[in-house]
Amino acid sequence: QVQLVESGGGLVQAGGSLRLSCAASGRTFSIYTMGWFRQAPGKEREFVATINWSTSNTYYADSVKGRFTISRNNAKNTVYLQMNSLKPEDTAVYYCAASRGSGSIPTNFGSWGQGTQVTVSP
């Protein structure tokens, strides 16, 4: 089992930046892909970005491409999501997740963090 703890959420004005962190512990050797997802009120959880734990290959949702950057520090078992040029529509609870395989579908991810709130004011 992999345990994930997110941090770094908060309130920011439109155009601002935030960096989210996700610390992994437990059976981290089983991780193949790490991902960030988000869920706004009344909406389904949606994919934001993924990173391959070994190769650092990344994949982004079109809505965040060019504004968000996912990265990882294997020595610290930590994944980051740098969010720039934030928009009010980025407001959501952001979740970190770990998968033993590839892909960006939430059901592919077996371990989830508790979530961190990101609020972007106009």
PDB file of N, CA and C in Angstrom:
ATOM      1  N   GLN A   1       0.838  -1.191   0.000  1.00  0.00           N
ATOM      2  CA  GLN A   1       0.000   0.000   0.000  1.00  0.00           C
ATOM      3  C   GLN A   1       0.882   1.252   0.000  1.00  0.00           C
ATOM      4  N   VAL A   2       0.448   2.247  -0.736  1.00  0.00           N
ATOM      5  CA  VAL A   2       1.154   3.519  -0.799  1.00  0.00           C
ATOM      6  C   VAL A   2       0.294   4.581  -0.116  1.00  0.00           C
ATOM      7  N   GLN A   3       0.925   5.355   0.749  1.00  0.00           N
ATOM      8  CA  GLN A   3       0.232   6.467   1.402  1.00  0.00           C
ATOM      9  C   GLN A   3       0.686   7.776   0.760  1.00  0.00           C
ATOM     10  N   LEU A   4      -0.264   8.678   0.546  1.00  0.00           N
ATOM     11  CA  LEU A   4       0.020   9.948  -0.119  1.00  0.00           C
ATOM     12  C   LEU A   4      -0.524  11.100   0.717  1.00  0.00           C
ATOM     13  N   VAL A   5       0.284  12.141   0.869  1.00  0.00           N
ATOM     14  CA  VAL A   5      -0.128  13.317   1.628  1.00  0.00           C
ATOM     15  C   VAL A   5       0.169  14.559   0.796  1.00  0.00           C
ATOM     16  N   GLU A   6      -0.890  15.293   0.460  1.00  0.00           N
ATOM     17  CA  GLU A   6      -0.735  16.520  -0.319  1.00  0.00           C
ATOM     18  C   GLU A   6      -0.580  17.727   0.595  1.00  0.00           C
ATOM     19  N   SER A   7       0.034  18.769   0.062  1.00  0.00           N
ATOM     20  CA  SER A   7       0.135  20.050   0.752  1.00  0.00           C
ATOM     21  C   SER A   7       0.317  21.141  -0.295  1.00  0.00           C
ATOM     22  N   GLY A   8       0.113  22.385   0.124  1.00  0.00           N
ATOM     23  CA  GLY A   8       0.404  23.510  -0.747  1.00  0.00           C
ATOM     24  C   GLY A   8      -0.793  24.216  -1.339  1.00  0.00           C
ATOM     25  N   GLY A   9      -1.991  23.759  -1.060  1.00  0.00           N
ATOM     26  CA  GLY A   9      -3.163  24.444  -1.582  1.00  0.00           C
ATOM     27  C   GLY A   9      -3.370  25.775  -0.873  1.00  0.00           C
ATOM     28  N   GLY A  10      -4.364  26.536  -1.365  1.00  0.00           N
ATOM     29  CA  GLY A  10      -4.662  27.808  -0.746  1.00  0.00           C
ATOM     30  C   GLY A  10      -5.488  28.699  -1.645  1.00  0.00           C
ATOM     31  N   LEU A  11      -5.552  29.967  -1.276  1.00  0.00           N
ATOM     32  CA  LEU A  11      -6.306  30.969  -2.016  1.00  0.00           C
ATOM     33  C   LEU A  11      -5.335  31.876  -2.760  1.00  0.00           C
ATOM     34  N   VAL A  12      -5.591  32.091  -4.034  1.00  0.00           N
ATOM     35  CA  VAL A  12      -4.726  32.933  -4.847  1.00  0.00           C
ATOM     36  C   VAL A  12      -5.578  33.706  -5.835  1.00  0.00           C
ATOM     37  N   GLN A  13      -5.101  34.864  -6.237  1.00  0.00           N
ATOM     38  CA  GLN A  13      -5.818  35.646  -7.239  1.00  0.00           C
ATOM     39  C   GLN A  13      -5.535  35.107  -8.637  1.00  0.00           C
ATOM     40  N   ALA A  14      -6.446  35.365  -9.536  1.00  0.00           N
ATOM     41  CA  ALA A  14      -6.254  34.959 -10.926  1.00  0.00           C
ATOM     42  C   ALA A  14      -4.939  35.518 -11.456  1.00  0.00           C
ATOM     43  N   GLY A  15      -4.217  34.668 -12.181  1.00  0.00           N
ATOM     44  CA  GLY A  15      -2.912  35.042 -12.693  1.00  0.00           C
ATOM     45  C   GLY A  15      -1.768  34.663 -11.782  1.00  0.00           C
ATOM     46  N   GLY A  16      -2.093  34.266 -10.555  1.00  0.00           N
ATOM     47  CA  GLY A  16      -1.076  33.901  -9.584  1.00  0.00           C
ATOM     48  C   GLY A  16      -0.599  32.469  -9.738  1.00  0.00           C
ATOM     49  N   SER A  17       0.240  32.047  -8.799  1.00  0.00           N
ATOM     50  CA  SER A  17       0.856  30.723  -8.853  1.00  0.00           C
ATOM     51  C   SER A  17       0.753  30.016  -7.508  1.00  0.00           C
ATOM     52  N   LEU A  18       0.731  28.712  -7.565  1.00  0.00           N
ATOM     53  CA  LEU A  18       0.804  27.858  -6.385  1.00  0.00           C
ATOM     54  C   LEU A  18       1.608  26.620  -6.748  1.00  0.00           C
ATOM     55  N   ARG A  19       2.253  26.014  -5.759  1.00  0.00           N
ATOM     56  CA  ARG A  19       2.915  24.730  -5.970  1.00  0.00           C
ATOM     57  C   ARG A  19       2.372  23.727  -4.971  1.00  0.00           C
ATOM     58  N   LEU A  20       1.850  22.644  -5.498  1.00  0.00           N
ATOM     59  CA  LEU A  20       1.367  21.548  -4.674  1.00  0.00           C
ATOM     60  C   LEU A  20       2.457  20.487  -4.543  1.00  0.00           C
ATOM     61  N   SER A  21       2.493  19.859  -3.382  1.00  0.00           N
ATOM     62  CA  SER A  21       3.430  18.766  -3.140  1.00  0.00           C
ATOM     63  C   SER A  21       2.659  17.527  -2.716  1.00  0.00           C
ATOM     64  N   CYS A  22       3.213  16.375  -3.037  1.00  0.00           N
ATOM     65  CA  CYS A  22       2.607  15.103  -2.652  1.00  0.00           C
ATOM     66  C   CYS A  22       3.728  14.175  -2.205  1.00  0.00           C
ATOM     67  N   ALA A  23       3.738  13.854  -0.916  1.00  0.00           N
ATOM     68  CA  ALA A  23       4.748  12.965  -0.358  1.00  0.00           C
ATOM     69  C   ALA A  23       4.214  11.547  -0.297  1.00  0.00           C
ATOM     70  N   ALA A  24       4.968  10.611  -0.866  1.00  0.00           N
ATOM     71  CA  ALA A  24       4.574   9.209  -0.885  1.00  0.00           C
ATOM     72  C   ALA A  24       5.378   8.416   0.133  1.00  0.00           C
ATOM     73  N   SER A  25       4.708   7.445   0.754  1.00  0.00           N
ATOM     74  CA  SER A  25       5.389   6.555   1.694  1.00  0.00           C
ATOM     75  C   SER A  25       4.794   5.169   1.546  1.00  0.00           C
ATOM     76  N   GLY A  26       5.433   4.200   2.194  1.00  0.00           N
ATOM     77  CA  GLY A  26       4.961   2.824   2.090  1.00  0.00           C
ATOM     78  C   GLY A  26       5.634   2.107   0.933  1.00  0.00           C
ATOM     79  N   ARG A  27       4.882   1.352   0.159  1.00  0.00           N
ATOM     80  CA  ARG A  27       5.420   0.518  -0.920  1.00  0.00           C
ATOM     81  C   ARG A  27       5.668   1.352  -2.181  1.00  0.00           C
ATOM     82  N   THR A  28       6.536   2.350  -2.050  1.00  0.00           N
ATOM     83  CA  THR A  28       6.767   3.264  -3.177  1.00  0.00           C
ATOM     84  C   THR A  28       7.456   2.588  -4.354  1.00  0.00           C
ATOM     85  N   PHE A  29       8.107   1.437  -4.112  1.00  0.00           N
ATOM     86  CA  PHE A  29       8.763   0.723  -5.202  1.00  0.00           C
ATOM     87  C   PHE A  29       7.748   0.208  -6.221  1.00  0.00           C
ATOM     88  N   SER A  30       6.477   0.147  -5.823  1.00  0.00           N
ATOM     89  CA  SER A  30       5.438  -0.361  -6.722  1.00  0.00           C
ATOM     90  C   SER A  30       4.854   0.713  -7.628  1.00  0.00           C
ATOM     91  N   ILE A  31       5.277   1.965  -7.438  1.00  0.00           N
ATOM     92  CA  ILE A  31       4.705   3.070  -8.204  1.00  0.00           C
ATOM     93  C   ILE A  31       5.266   3.091  -9.620  1.00  0.00           C
ATOM     94  N   TYR A  32       4.387   3.159 -10.605  1.00  0.00           N
ATOM     95  CA  TYR A  32       4.791   3.320 -12.002  1.00  0.00           C
ATOM     96  C   TYR A  32       4.452   4.714 -12.499  1.00  0.00           C
ATOM     97  N   THR A  33       3.292   5.208 -12.115  1.00  0.00           N
ATOM     98  CA  THR A  33       2.828   6.529 -12.542  1.00  0.00           C
ATOM     99  C   THR A  33       2.265   7.282 -11.339  1.00  0.00           C
ATOM    100  N   MET A  34       2.585   8.570 -11.275  1.00  0.00           N
ATOM    101  CA  MET A  34       1.959   9.454 -10.296  1.00  0.00           C
ATOM    102  C   MET A  34       1.119  10.465 -11.066  1.00  0.00           C
ATOM    103  N   GLY A  35       0.007  10.853 -10.463  1.00  0.00           N
ATOM    104  CA  GLY A  35      -0.864  11.785 -11.160  1.00  0.00           C
ATOM    105  C   GLY A  35      -1.492  12.799 -10.231  1.00  0.00           C
ATOM    106  N   TRP A  36      -1.935  13.876 -10.849  1.00  0.00           N
ATOM    107  CA  TRP A  36      -2.746  14.880 -10.153  1.00  0.00           C
ATOM    108  C   TRP A  36      -4.109  14.932 -10.836  1.00  0.00           C
ATOM    109  N   PHE A  37      -5.136  14.959 -10.017  1.00  0.00           N
ATOM    110  CA  PHE A  37      -6.514  15.075 -10.482  1.00  0.00           C
ATOM    111  C   PHE A  37      -7.166  16.202  -9.704  1.00  0.00           C
ATOM    112  N   ARG A  38      -8.306  16.655 -10.178  1.00  0.00           N
ATOM    113  CA  ARG A  38      -9.024  17.692  -9.443  1.00  0.00           C
ATOM    114  C   ARG A  38     -10.525  17.467  -9.574  1.00  0.00           C
ATOM    115  N   GLN A  39     -11.233  17.987  -8.574  1.00  0.00           N
ATOM    116  CA  GLN A  39     -12.681  17.852  -8.567  1.00  0.00           C
ATOM    117  C   GLN A  39     -13.298  19.140  -8.058  1.00  0.00           C
ATOM    118  N   ALA A  40     -14.065  19.775  -8.915  1.00  0.00           N
ATOM    119  CA  ALA A  40     -14.794  20.987  -8.553  1.00  0.00           C
ATOM    120  C   ALA A  40     -16.180  20.601  -8.044  1.00  0.00           C
ATOM    121  N   PRO A  41     -16.821  21.473  -7.263  1.00  0.00           N
ATOM    122  CA  PRO A  41     -18.151  21.163  -6.734  1.00  0.00           C
ATOM    123  C   PRO A  41     -19.139  20.837  -7.848  1.00  0.00           C
ATOM    124  N   GLY A  42     -19.832  19.720  -7.691  1.00  0.00           N
ATOM    125  CA  GLY A  42     -20.838  19.335  -8.662  1.00  0.00           C
ATOM    126  C   GLY A  42     -20.298  18.729  -9.940  1.00  0.00           C
ATOM    127  N   LYS A  43     -18.997  18.518  -9.997  1.00  0.00           N
ATOM    128  CA  LYS A  43     -18.387  17.958 -11.208  1.00  0.00           C
ATOM    129  C   LYS A  43     -17.654  16.666 -10.879  1.00  0.00           C
ATOM    130  N   GLU A  44     -17.391  15.887 -11.929  1.00  0.00           N
ATOM    131  CA  GLU A  44     -16.652  14.644 -11.743  1.00  0.00           C
ATOM    132  C   GLU A  44     -15.163  14.946 -11.578  1.00  0.00           C
ATOM    133  N   ARG A  45     -14.459  14.003 -10.967  1.00  0.00           N
ATOM    134  CA  ARG A  45     -13.018  14.133 -10.830  1.00  0.00           C
ATOM    135  C   ARG A  45     -12.390  14.060 -12.219  1.00  0.00           C
ATOM    136  N   GLU A  46     -11.464  14.981 -12.503  1.00  0.00           N
ATOM    137  CA  GLU A  46     -10.858  15.017 -13.822  1.00  0.00           C
ATOM    138  C   GLU A  46      -9.341  14.988 -13.749  1.00  0.00           C
ATOM    139  N   PHE A  47      -8.771  14.435 -14.794  1.00  0.00           N
ATOM    140  CA  PHE A  47      -7.330  14.307 -14.925  1.00  0.00           C
ATOM    141  C   PHE A  47      -6.690  15.681 -15.121  1.00  0.00           C
ATOM    142  N   VAL A  48      -5.538  15.892 -14.476  1.00  0.00           N
ATOM    143  CA  VAL A  48      -4.768  17.118 -14.651  1.00  0.00           C
ATOM    144  C   VAL A  48      -3.413  16.815 -15.299  1.00  0.00           C
ATOM    145  N   ALA A  49      -2.637  15.919 -14.681  1.00  0.00           N
ATOM    146  CA  ALA A  49      -1.299  15.622 -15.203  1.00  0.00           C
ATOM    147  C   ALA A  49      -0.800  14.311 -14.609  1.00  0.00           C
ATOM    148  N   THR A  50       0.068  13.626 -15.362  1.00  0.00           N
ATOM    149  CA  THR A  50       0.734  12.430 -14.847  1.00  0.00           C
ATOM    150  C   THR A  50       2.216  12.488 -15.157  1.00  0.00           C
ATOM    151  N   ILE A  51       2.981  11.714 -14.379  1.00  0.00           N
ATOM    152  CA  ILE A  51       4.415  11.610 -14.601  1.00  0.00           C
ATOM    153  C   ILE A  51       4.841  10.167 -14.353  1.00  0.00           C
ATOM    154  N   ASN A  52       5.669   9.647 -15.253  1.00  0.00           N
ATOM    155  CA  ASN A  52       6.224   8.307 -15.066  1.00  0.00           C
ATOM    156  C   ASN A  52       7.287   8.373 -13.983  1.00  0.00           C
ATOM    157  N   TRP A  53       7.165   7.477 -12.999  1.00  0.00           N
ATOM    158  CA  TRP A  53       8.035   7.531 -11.825  1.00  0.00           C
ATOM    159  C   TRP A  53       9.493   7.293 -12.178  1.00  0.00           C
ATOM    160  N   SER A  54       9.758   6.523 -13.241  1.00  0.00           N
ATOM    161  CA  SER A  54      11.140   6.193 -13.602  1.00  0.00           C
ATOM    162  C   SER A  54      11.710   7.108 -14.669  1.00  0.00           C
ATOM    163  N   THR A  55      10.907   7.381 -15.709  1.00  0.00           N
ATOM    164  CA  THR A  55      11.427   8.109 -16.869  1.00  0.00           C
ATOM    165  C   THR A  55      11.143   9.609 -16.825  1.00  0.00           C
ATOM    166  N   SER A  56      10.233  10.024 -15.946  1.00  0.00           N
ATOM    167  CA  SER A  56       9.780  11.418 -15.858  1.00  0.00           C
ATOM    168  C   SER A  56       8.995  11.880 -17.083  1.00  0.00           C
ATOM    169  N   ASN A  57       8.576  10.963 -17.932  1.00  0.00           N
ATOM    170  CA  ASN A  57       7.694  11.362 -19.028  1.00  0.00           C
ATOM    171  C   ASN A  57       6.410  11.935 -18.445  1.00  0.00           C
ATOM    172  N   THR A  58       5.932  13.026 -19.031  1.00  0.00           N
ATOM    173  CA  THR A  58       4.768  13.712 -18.502  1.00  0.00           C
ATOM    174  C   THR A  58       3.643  13.781 -19.529  1.00  0.00           C
ATOM    175  N   TYR A  59       2.448  13.975 -19.002  1.00  0.00           N
ATOM    176  CA  TYR A  59       1.255  14.060 -19.841  1.00  0.00           C
ATOM    177  C   TYR A  59       0.298  15.023 -19.159  1.00  0.00           C
ATOM    178  N   TYR A  60      -0.317  15.944 -19.943  1.00  0.00           N
ATOM    179  CA  TYR A  60      -1.152  16.980 -19.362  1.00  0.00           C
ATOM    180  C   TYR A  60      -2.519  17.036 -20.023  1.00  0.00           C
ATOM    181  N   ALA A  61      -3.499  17.452 -19.233  1.00  0.00           N
ATOM    182  CA  ALA A  61      -4.799  17.775 -19.804  1.00  0.00           C
ATOM    183  C   ALA A  61      -4.652  19.049 -20.634  1.00  0.00           C
ATOM    184  N   ASP A  62      -5.425  19.153 -21.702  1.00  0.00           N
ATOM    185  CA  ASP A  62      -5.339  20.328 -22.568  1.00  0.00           C
ATOM    186  C   ASP A  62      -5.619  21.617 -21.799  1.00  0.00           C
ATOM    187  N   SER A  63      -6.469  21.530 -20.801  1.00  0.00           N
ATOM    188  CA  SER A  63      -6.890  22.727 -20.073  1.00  0.00           C
ATOM    189  C   SER A  63      -5.760  23.337 -19.235  1.00  0.00           C
ATOM    190  N   VAL A  64      -4.716  22.565 -18.949  1.00  0.00           N
ATOM    191  CA  VAL A  64      -3.625  23.075 -18.104  1.00  0.00           C
ATOM    192  C   VAL A  64      -2.289  23.115 -18.836  1.00  0.00           C
ATOM    193  N   LYS A  65      -2.250  22.583 -20.049  1.00  0.00           N
ATOM    194  CA  LYS A  65      -0.999  22.514 -20.795  1.00  0.00           C
ATOM    195  C   LYS A  65      -0.421  23.915 -20.992  1.00  0.00           C
ATOM    196  N   GLY A  66       0.866  24.064 -20.700  1.00  0.00           N
ATOM    197  CA  GLY A  66       1.523  25.361 -20.825  1.00  0.00           C
ATOM    198  C   GLY A  66       1.450  26.210 -19.575  1.00  0.00           C
ATOM    199  N   ARG A  67       0.589  25.831 -18.628  1.00  0.00           N
ATOM    200  CA  ARG A  67       0.454  26.587 -17.387  1.00  0.00           C
ATOM    201  C   ARG A  67       0.911  25.779 -16.170  1.00  0.00           C
ATOM    202  N   PHE A  68       0.667  24.489 -16.183  1.00  0.00           N
ATOM    203  CA  PHE A  68       1.026  23.606 -15.068  1.00  0.00           C
ATOM    204  C   PHE A  68       2.214  22.739 -15.448  1.00  0.00           C
ATOM    205  N   THR A  69       3.039  22.421 -14.440  1.00  0.00           N
ATOM    206  CA  THR A  69       4.176  21.535 -14.646  1.00  0.00           C
ATOM    207  C   THR A  69       4.228  20.507 -13.529  1.00  0.00           C
ATOM    208  N   ILE A  70       4.238  19.238 -13.911  1.00  0.00           N
ATOM    209  CA  ILE A  70       4.379  18.166 -12.929  1.00  0.00           C
ATOM    210  C   ILE A  70       5.836  17.719 -12.923  1.00  0.00           C
ATOM    211  N   SER A  71       6.356  17.458 -11.733  1.00  0.00           N
ATOM    212  CA  SER A  71       7.738  16.996 -11.608  1.00  0.00           C
ATOM    213  C   SER A  71       7.848  16.084 -10.408  1.00  0.00           C
ATOM    214  N   ARG A  72       8.973  15.395 -10.288  1.00  0.00           N
ATOM    215  CA  ARG A  72       9.137  14.499  -9.133  1.00  0.00           C
ATOM    216  C   ARG A  72      10.562  14.514  -8.639  1.00  0.00           C
ATOM    217  N   ASN A  73      10.701  14.212  -7.360  1.00  0.00           N
ATOM    218  CA  ASN A  73      11.997  14.048  -6.715  1.00  0.00           C
ATOM    219  C   ASN A  73      11.980  12.663  -6.099  1.00  0.00           C
ATOM    220  N   ASN A  74      12.603  11.712  -6.793  1.00  0.00           N
ATOM    221  CA  ASN A  74      12.543  10.325  -6.322  1.00  0.00           C
ATOM    222  C   ASN A  74      13.244  10.136  -4.986  1.00  0.00           C
ATOM    223  N   ALA A  75      14.287  10.907  -4.751  1.00  0.00           N
ATOM    224  CA  ALA A  75      15.017  10.780  -3.488  1.00  0.00           C
ATOM    225  C   ALA A  75      14.126  11.138  -2.299  1.00  0.00           C
ATOM    226  N   LYS A  76      13.177  12.042  -2.540  1.00  0.00           N
ATOM    227  CA  LYS A  76      12.259  12.462  -1.477  1.00  0.00           C
ATOM    228  C   LYS A  76      10.895  11.803  -1.622  1.00  0.00           C
ATOM    229  N   ASN A  77      10.745  10.935  -2.638  1.00  0.00           N
ATOM    230  CA  ASN A  77       9.445  10.300  -2.896  1.00  0.00           C
ATOM    231  C   ASN A  77       8.326  11.339  -2.962  1.00  0.00           C
ATOM    232  N   THR A  78       8.588  12.409  -3.657  1.00  0.00           N
ATOM    233  CA  THR A  78       7.652  13.534  -3.708  1.00  0.00           C
ATOM    234  C   THR A  78       7.387  13.942  -5.150  1.00  0.00           C
ATOM    235  N   VAL A  79       6.127  14.249  -5.416  1.00  0.00           N
ATOM    236  CA  VAL A  79       5.700  14.767  -6.706  1.00  0.00           C
ATOM    237  C   VAL A  79       5.168  16.177  -6.501  1.00  0.00           C
ATOM    238  N   TYR A  80       5.426  17.038  -7.470  1.00  0.00           N
ATOM    239  CA  TYR A  80       5.017  18.427  -7.375  1.00  0.00           C
ATOM    240  C   TYR A  80       4.106  18.786  -8.555  1.00  0.00           C
ATOM    241  N   LEU A  81       3.280  19.797  -8.323  1.00  0.00           N
ATOM    242  CA  LEU A  81       2.502  20.379  -9.403  1.00  0.00           C
ATOM    243  C   LEU A  81       2.645  21.889  -9.286  1.00  0.00           C
ATOM    244  N   GLN A  82       3.441  22.460 -10.169  1.00  0.00           N
ATOM    245  CA  GLN A  82       3.601  23.903 -10.233  1.00  0.00           C
ATOM    246  C   GLN A  82       2.495  24.464 -11.108  1.00  0.00           C
ATOM    247  N   MET A  83       1.709  25.357 -10.542  1.00  0.00           N
ATOM    248  CA  MET A  83       0.559  25.910 -11.255  1.00  0.00           C
ATOM    249  C   MET A  83       0.759  27.413 -11.431  1.00  0.00           C
ATOM    250  N   ASN A  84       0.877  27.833 -12.669  1.00  0.00           N
ATOM    251  CA  ASN A  84       1.053  29.246 -13.003  1.00  0.00           C
ATOM    252  C   ASN A  84      -0.142  29.755 -13.793  1.00  0.00           C
ATOM    253  N   SER A  85      -0.259  31.071 -13.863  1.00  0.00           N
ATOM    254  CA  SER A  85      -1.349  31.708 -14.625  1.00  0.00           C
ATOM    255  C   SER A  85      -2.699  31.100 -14.248  1.00  0.00           C
ATOM    256  N   LEU A  86      -2.930  30.982 -12.962  1.00  0.00           N
ATOM    257  CA  LEU A  86      -4.153  30.331 -12.489  1.00  0.00           C
ATOM    258  C   LEU A  86      -5.389  31.113 -12.874  1.00  0.00           C
ATOM    259  N   LYS A  87      -6.461  30.359 -13.133  1.00  0.00           N
ATOM    260  CA  LYS A  87      -7.739  30.930 -13.540  1.00  0.00           C
ATOM    261  C   LYS A  87      -8.822  30.517 -12.540  1.00  0.00           C
ATOM    262  N   PRO A  88      -9.899  31.289 -12.429  1.00  0.00           N
ATOM    263  CA  PRO A  88     -10.976  30.886 -11.506  1.00  0.00           C
ATOM    264  C   PRO A  88     -11.489  29.475 -11.791  1.00  0.00           C
ATOM    265  N   GLU A  89     -11.478  29.055 -13.030  1.00  0.00           N
ATOM    266  CA  GLU A  89     -11.965  27.715 -13.369  1.00  0.00           C
ATOM    267  C   GLU A  89     -11.015  26.608 -12.923  1.00  0.00           C
ATOM    268  N   ASP A  90      -9.835  26.966 -12.401  1.00  0.00           N
ATOM    269  CA  ASP A  90      -8.935  25.977 -11.809  1.00  0.00           C
ATOM    270  C   ASP A  90      -9.315  25.656 -10.367  1.00  0.00           C
ATOM    271  N   THR A  91     -10.272  26.383  -9.818  1.00  0.00           N
ATOM    272  CA  THR A  91     -10.706  26.155  -8.446  1.00  0.00           C
ATOM    273  C   THR A  91     -11.262  24.742  -8.297  1.00  0.00           C
ATOM    274  N   ALA A  92     -10.710  23.989  -7.341  1.00  0.00           N
ATOM    275  CA  ALA A  92     -11.111  22.601  -7.129  1.00  0.00           C
ATOM    276  C   ALA A  92     -10.329  22.040  -5.951  1.00  0.00           C
ATOM    277  N   VAL A  93     -10.719  20.858  -5.533  1.00  0.00           N
ATOM    278  CA  VAL A  93      -9.887  20.065  -4.633  1.00  0.00           C
ATOM    279  C   VAL A  93      -8.951  19.252  -5.512  1.00  0.00           C
ATOM    280  N   TYR A  94      -7.672  19.358  -5.234  1.00  0.00           N
ATOM    281  CA  TYR A  94      -6.657  18.668  -6.027  1.00  0.00           C
ATOM    282  C   TYR A  94      -6.194  17.423  -5.265  1.00  0.00           C
ATOM    283  N   TYR A  95      -6.154  16.309  -5.992  1.00  0.00           N
ATOM    284  CA  TYR A  95      -5.775  15.026  -5.411  1.00  0.00           C
ATOM    285  C   TYR A  95      -4.528  14.478  -6.089  1.00  0.00           C
ATOM    286  N   CYS A  96      -3.657  13.920  -5.291  1.00  0.00           N
ATOM    287  CA  CYS A  96      -2.509  13.184  -5.781  1.00  0.00           C
ATOM    288  C   CYS A  96      -2.873  11.706  -5.798  1.00  0.00           C
ATOM    289  N   ALA A  97      -2.363  10.968  -6.786  1.00  0.00           N
ATOM    290  CA  ALA A  97      -2.685   9.554  -6.889  1.00  0.00           C
ATOM    291  C   ALA A  97      -1.504   8.775  -7.431  1.00  0.00           C
ATOM    292  N   ALA A  98      -1.450   7.496  -7.095  1.00  0.00           N
ATOM    293  CA  ALA A  98      -0.365   6.616  -7.537  1.00  0.00           C
ATOM    294  C   ALA A  98      -0.944   5.383  -8.211  1.00  0.00           C
ATOM    295  N   SER A  99      -0.273   4.955  -9.274  1.00  0.00           N
ATOM    296  CA  SER A  99      -0.727   3.795 -10.028  1.00  0.00           C
ATOM    297  C   SER A  99       0.430   2.836 -10.277  1.00  0.00           C
ATOM    298  N   ARG A 100       0.105   1.537 -10.368  1.00  0.00           N
ATOM    299  CA  ARG A 100       1.101   0.532 -10.722  1.00  0.00           C
ATOM    300  C   ARG A 100       1.236   0.395 -12.235  1.00  0.00           C
ATOM    301  N   GLY A 101       0.381   1.093 -12.977  1.00  0.00           N
ATOM    302  CA  GLY A 101       0.426   1.030 -14.424  1.00  0.00           C
ATOM    303  C   GLY A 101       0.463   2.417 -15.023  1.00  0.00           C
ATOM    304  N   SER A 102       0.108   2.484 -16.301  1.00  0.00           N
ATOM    305  CA  SER A 102       0.106   3.754 -17.009  1.00  0.00           C
ATOM    306  C   SER A 102      -1.329   4.216 -17.236  1.00  0.00           C
ATOM    307  N   GLY A 103      -1.481   5.373 -17.868  1.00  0.00           N
ATOM    308  CA  GLY A 103      -2.804   5.887 -18.166  1.00  0.00           C
ATOM    309  C   GLY A 103      -3.182   7.044 -17.286  1.00  0.00           C
ATOM    310  N   SER A 104      -4.312   7.684 -17.627  1.00  0.00           N
ATOM    311  CA  SER A 104      -4.751   8.878 -16.910  1.00  0.00           C
ATOM    312  C   SER A 104      -6.183   8.774 -16.400  1.00  0.00           C
ATOM    313  N   ILE A 105      -6.733   7.582 -16.417  1.00  0.00           N
ATOM    314  CA  ILE A 105      -8.104   7.399 -15.945  1.00  0.00           C
ATOM    315  C   ILE A 105      -8.080   7.195 -14.438  1.00  0.00           C
ATOM    316  N   PRO A 106      -8.912   7.902 -13.689  1.00  0.00           N
ATOM    317  CA  PRO A 106      -8.866   7.780 -12.221  1.00  0.00           C
ATOM    318  C   PRO A 106      -8.950   6.344 -11.709  1.00  0.00           C
ATOM    319  N   THR A 107      -9.706   5.495 -12.377  1.00  0.00           N
ATOM    320  CA  THR A 107      -9.857   4.121 -11.887  1.00  0.00           C
ATOM    321  C   THR A 107      -8.571   3.309 -12.023  1.00  0.00           C
ATOM    322  N   ASN A 108      -7.589   3.813 -12.782  1.00  0.00           N
ATOM    323  CA  ASN A 108      -6.299   3.132 -12.888  1.00  0.00           C
ATOM    324  C   ASN A 108      -5.416   3.355 -11.657  1.00  0.00           C
ATOM    325  N   PHE A 109      -5.813   4.303 -10.809  1.00  0.00           N
ATOM    326  CA  PHE A 109      -4.985   4.699  -9.684  1.00  0.00           C
ATOM    327  C   PHE A 109      -5.548   4.095  -8.401  1.00  0.00           C
ATOM    328  N   GLY A 110      -4.707   3.334  -7.709  1.00  0.00           N
ATOM    329  CA  GLY A 110      -5.171   2.616  -6.532  1.00  0.00           C
ATOM    330  C   GLY A 110      -4.943   3.326  -5.214  1.00  0.00           C
ATOM    331  N   SER A 111      -4.082   4.339  -5.212  1.00  0.00           N
ATOM    332  CA  SER A 111      -3.785   5.060  -3.972  1.00  0.00           C
ATOM    333  C   SER A 111      -4.063   6.541  -4.185  1.00  0.00           C
ATOM    334  N   TRP A 112      -4.717   7.143  -3.196  1.00  0.00           N
ATOM    335  CA  TRP A 112      -5.110   8.549  -3.296  1.00  0.00           C
ATOM    336  C   TRP A 112      -4.785   9.294  -2.014  1.00  0.00           C
ATOM    337  N   GLY A 113      -4.436  10.571  -2.166  1.00  0.00           N
ATOM    338  CA  GLY A 113      -4.273  11.430  -1.018  1.00  0.00           C
ATOM    339  C   GLY A 113      -5.621  11.986  -0.567  1.00  0.00           C
ATOM    340  N   GLN A 114      -5.567  12.790   0.469  1.00  0.00           N
ATOM    341  CA  GLN A 114      -6.810  13.313   1.055  1.00  0.00           C
ATOM    342  C   GLN A 114      -7.331  14.534   0.310  1.00  0.00           C
ATOM    343  N   GLY A 115      -6.507  15.124  -0.528  1.00  0.00           N
ATOM    344  CA  GLY A 115      -6.916  16.291  -1.300  1.00  0.00           C
ATOM    345  C   GLY A 115      -6.513  17.592  -0.632  1.00  0.00           C
ATOM    346  N   THR A 116      -6.296  18.608  -1.457  1.00  0.00           N
ATOM    347  CA  THR A 116      -5.979  19.940  -0.958  1.00  0.00           C
ATOM    348  C   THR A 116      -6.751  20.962  -1.786  1.00  0.00           C
ATOM    349  N   GLN A 117      -7.345  21.933  -1.116  1.00  0.00           N
ATOM    350  CA  GLN A 117      -8.213  22.897  -1.784  1.00  0.00           C
ATOM    351  C   GLN A 117      -7.377  23.991  -2.451  1.00  0.00           C
ATOM    352  N   VAL A 118      -7.710  24.262  -3.701  1.00  0.00           N
ATOM    353  CA  VAL A 118      -7.140  25.384  -4.435  1.00  0.00           C
ATOM    354  C   VAL A 118      -8.300  26.286  -4.846  1.00  0.00           C
ATOM    355  N   THR A 119      -8.228  27.545  -4.435  1.00  0.00           N
ATOM    356  CA  THR A 119      -9.275  28.507  -4.770  1.00  0.00           C
ATOM    357  C   THR A 119      -8.627  29.692  -5.480  1.00  0.00           C
ATOM    358  N   VAL A 120      -9.142  29.997  -6.676  1.00  0.00           N
ATOM    359  CA  VAL A 120      -8.616  31.099  -7.465  1.00  0.00           C
ATOM    360  C   VAL A 120      -9.706  32.165  -7.567  1.00  0.00           C
ATOM    361  N   SER A 121      -9.425  33.319  -7.022  1.00  0.00           N
ATOM    362  CA  SER A 121     -10.403  34.404  -7.048  1.00  0.00           C
ATOM    363  C   SER A 121     -10.233  35.250  -8.313  1.00  0.00           C
ATOM    364  N   PRO A 122     -11.329  35.817  -8.819  1.00  0.00           N
ATOM    365  CA  PRO A 122     -11.255  36.613 -10.063  1.00  0.00           C
ATOM    366  C   PRO A 122     -10.381  37.846  -9.904  1.00  0.00           C
TER     367      PRO A 122
END
